[in-house]
Amino acid sequence: MYRLIFTDRALKGLKSIPKRDAEKIIAQLQELAEHPQFKSNVKCLENHQRAVFRLKVGNYRVLFNKYNEFEVLEIIDVGHRKEIY
């Protein structure tokens, strides 16, 4: 199981969205931490400065990095799909 590490920016993003959506995002992240094989809602980003991957949860996106050697998922940012990139 991978550990989830949230940046301050990601925590701020989670707090700014509706509680129901934040709970869905947390559930998806916990599932990803338990089963780190990527699913259809995870995509590798090209030419993004801060993150390597994105997780799609409804209208929200989670930008993150995956460190296999440390078994860590670093959550970089969380936000609405129109504002995240």
Protein backbone atom coordinates (compact mmCIF):
# COMPACT_ATOMS: atom_id res chain seq x y z
CA MET A 1 0.00 0.00 0.00
CA TYR A 2 1.29 3.43 -0.96
CA ARG A 3 1.29 6.36 1.46
CA LEU A 4 -0.54 9.55 0.51
CA ILE A 5 1.32 12.81 1.07
CA PHE A 6 -0.58 16.06 0.48
CA THR A 7 1.05 19.39 -0.31
CA ASP A 8 -0.36 22.53 1.30
CA ARG A 9 -1.78 23.51 -2.08
CA ALA A 10 -3.62 20.17 -2.37
CA LEU A 11 -5.09 20.49 1.12
CA LYS A 12 -6.24 24.03 0.35
CA GLY A 13 -7.86 22.78 -2.87
CA LEU A 14 -9.67 19.97 -1.05
CA LYS A 15 -11.03 22.39 1.56
CA SER A 16 -12.34 24.76 -1.12
CA ILE A 17 -14.60 22.23 -2.87
CA PRO A 18 -17.95 20.85 -1.65
CA LYS A 19 -17.65 18.23 1.09
CA ARG A 20 -19.42 15.55 -0.96
CA ASP A 21 -16.96 15.93 -3.84
CA ALA A 22 -13.98 16.03 -1.47
CA GLU A 23 -15.13 12.74 0.08
CA LYS A 24 -15.31 11.14 -3.38
CA ILE A 25 -11.79 12.35 -4.15
CA ILE A 26 -10.43 11.00 -0.85
CA ALA A 27 -12.10 7.63 -1.53
CA GLN A 28 -10.56 7.45 -5.02
CA LEU A 29 -7.13 8.36 -3.64
CA GLN A 30 -7.38 5.69 -0.94
CA GLU A 31 -8.32 3.11 -3.57
CA LEU A 32 -5.38 4.22 -5.73
CA ALA A 33 -3.04 3.93 -2.72
CA GLU A 34 -4.23 0.37 -2.06
CA HIS A 35 -4.12 -0.66 -5.73
CA PRO A 36 -1.54 1.57 -7.45
CA GLN A 37 -2.02 0.03 -10.90
CA PHE A 38 -3.46 2.82 -12.99
CA LYS A 39 -7.05 2.73 -14.12
CA SER A 40 -8.86 4.53 -16.91
CA ASN A 41 -9.37 7.65 -14.77
CA VAL A 42 -5.58 8.14 -14.36
CA LYS A 43 -3.57 9.69 -17.16
CA CYS A 44 0.09 10.52 -17.61
CA LEU A 45 0.55 14.26 -18.20
CA GLU A 46 2.91 15.61 -20.82
CA ASN A 47 4.92 18.80 -20.28
CA HIS A 48 3.38 19.66 -16.91
CA GLN A 49 5.75 21.47 -14.55
CA ARG A 50 4.47 20.21 -11.22
CA ALA A 51 2.89 16.79 -11.71
CA VAL A 52 3.34 13.62 -13.73
CA PHE A 53 -0.17 12.14 -13.41
CA ARG A 54 -3.76 13.27 -13.04
CA LEU A 55 -6.72 11.49 -11.49
CA LYS A 56 -10.18 12.36 -12.82
CA VAL A 57 -13.05 12.37 -10.30
CA GLY A 58 -16.21 13.86 -11.79
CA ASN A 59 -15.54 17.50 -12.66
CA TYR A 60 -12.45 17.59 -10.44
CA ARG A 61 -8.84 16.70 -11.14
CA VAL A 62 -6.09 15.58 -8.79
CA LEU A 63 -2.51 16.18 -9.90
CA PHE A 64 0.02 13.84 -8.34
CA ASN A 65 3.43 12.21 -8.58
CA LYS A 66 4.12 8.53 -7.92
CA TYR A 67 7.36 7.41 -6.30
CA ASN A 68 7.63 3.62 -6.60
CA GLU A 69 10.91 3.32 -4.69
CA PHE A 70 9.33 4.92 -1.58
CA GLU A 71 5.76 3.68 -2.20
CA VAL A 72 4.45 7.24 -2.01
CA LEU A 73 1.78 9.16 -3.90
CA GLU A 74 2.45 12.89 -3.56
CA ILE A 75 -0.76 14.85 -4.12
CA ILE A 76 0.26 18.16 -5.70
CA ASP A 77 -3.05 19.93 -6.36
CA VAL A 78 -6.82 19.39 -6.35
CA GLY A 79 -9.30 21.54 -8.23
CA HIS A 80 -12.06 21.94 -10.77
CA ARG A 81 -11.15 20.78 -14.25
CA LYS A 82 -11.46 24.32 -15.66
CA GLU A 83 -9.02 25.77 -13.12
CA ILE A 84 -6.51 23.04 -12.32
CA TYR A 85 -4.19 23.24 -15.33
